[in-house]
Protein backbone atom coordinates (compact mmCIF):
# COMPACT_ATOMS: atom_id res chain seq x y z
CA MET A 1 0.00 0.00 0.00
CA ASP A 2 1.49 3.32 -1.09
CA ASN A 3 0.85 6.82 0.31
CA PRO A 4 3.52 9.05 -1.27
CA THR A 5 1.78 12.38 -0.63
CA PRO A 6 -1.34 13.66 1.22
CA GLY A 7 -4.58 12.01 0.08
CA ASN A 8 -2.92 9.77 -2.52
CA TRP A 9 -3.22 6.05 -1.78
CA TRP A 10 -3.01 2.91 -3.91
CA ILE A 11 -2.25 -0.76 -3.59
CA THR A 12 -0.39 -3.02 -6.00
CA ASP A 13 -1.19 -6.71 -6.40
CA ARG A 14 -0.58 -9.35 -9.06
CA ASP A 15 -3.24 -7.66 -11.24
CA GLY A 16 -1.56 -4.24 -11.14
CA GLU A 17 -2.11 -0.95 -9.34
CA TRP A 18 -5.46 -0.09 -7.71
CA GLU A 19 -6.35 3.49 -6.76
CA ILE A 20 -7.66 3.89 -3.21
CA GLY A 21 -7.74 7.67 -3.10
CA VAL A 22 -6.57 10.76 -4.97
CA GLN A 23 -6.01 14.14 -3.36
CA GLY A 24 -9.02 16.31 -4.17
CA GLY A 25 -10.80 13.36 -5.81
CA GLN A 26 -12.22 9.93 -5.14
CA GLN A 27 -11.49 8.33 -1.75
CA ALA A 28 -12.51 4.76 -0.93
CA LYS A 29 -14.98 4.32 1.90
CA GLY A 30 -13.66 2.72 5.06
CA ASP A 31 -10.74 3.21 7.38
CA LEU A 32 -7.09 3.05 6.45
CA PRO A 33 -5.00 1.12 8.98
CA ASP A 34 -2.28 2.37 11.29
CA PHE A 35 0.85 0.65 10.00
CA GLY A 36 2.93 1.60 13.03
CA ARG A 37 6.44 0.17 12.76
CA ALA A 38 5.49 -1.74 9.58
CA TRP A 39 5.56 1.55 7.60
CA MET A 40 8.53 2.57 5.43
CA GLU A 41 8.82 6.35 5.30
CA THR A 42 10.04 7.78 2.00
CA ASN A 43 8.80 11.40 2.20
CA VAL A 44 8.54 12.77 5.76
CA HIS A 45 5.80 10.45 7.17
CA TYR A 46 4.51 9.33 3.76
CA GLY A 47 5.68 6.05 2.27
CA TYR A 48 4.49 2.46 1.93
CA GLY A 49 3.50 -0.64 3.83
CA CYS A 50 2.38 -4.21 3.26
CA ALA A 51 -1.25 -5.21 3.73
CA CYS A 52 -3.81 -7.84 2.87
CA MET A 53 -7.15 -6.30 2.00
CA GLU A 54 -10.77 -7.30 1.54
CA VAL A 55 -12.26 -4.61 -0.70
CA ARG A 56 -15.05 -3.74 -3.11
CA VAL A 57 -13.64 -2.57 -6.45
CA ASP A 58 -14.47 -1.02 -9.79
CA ARG A 59 -12.53 -3.61 -11.81
CA PRO A 60 -12.55 -1.78 -15.21
CA GLY A 61 -11.48 1.48 -13.54
CA LYS A 62 -8.91 -0.26 -11.27
CA ARG A 63 -10.31 1.64 -8.26
CA VAL A 64 -10.97 0.49 -4.72
CA LEU A 65 -14.44 1.71 -3.75
CA GLU A 66 -14.61 0.36 -0.20
CA LEU A 67 -12.09 -0.97 2.31
CA ARG A 68 -13.91 -3.75 4.17
CA HIS A 69 -11.01 -5.27 6.08
CA VAL A 70 -7.31 -4.42 6.04
CA LYS A 71 -4.64 -6.45 7.81
CA VAL A 72 -1.20 -4.90 8.15
CA LEU A 73 1.61 -7.35 7.34
CA PRO A 74 5.39 -7.15 7.79
CA LEU A 75 7.17 -5.48 4.85
CA VAL A 76 9.21 -8.62 4.29
CA ARG A 77 6.01 -10.49 3.41
CA CYS A 78 5.33 -8.28 0.37
CA GLY A 79 9.04 -8.05 -0.44
CA GLY A 80 9.18 -11.82 -0.78
CA ASP A 81 6.08 -12.14 -2.97
CA PRO A 82 7.19 -12.87 -6.57
CA ALA A 83 3.89 -11.48 -7.93
CA LEU A 84 4.70 -7.98 -6.59
CA PRO A 85 7.17 -5.47 -8.03
CA LYS A 86 10.48 -5.16 -6.17
CA ARG A 87 11.23 -1.97 -4.27
């Protein structure tokens, strides 16, 4: 799950990149998790983390419409997944 700047969130899985929210635009319903120590900061407190999500999506638009359940995972879990891009 990426959050490089305020209001901009997306997640990447084996099917590609899915928009969760865009600053000044669409934001998925539901609560984003607190990643705590499982968050990698890349721009002040913005950055990325690893998560498993149950969501409702707009498949053609590649947008997450609702976050139903989000489980924060250790970064190493996503780093070791061959279906995900390397960081």
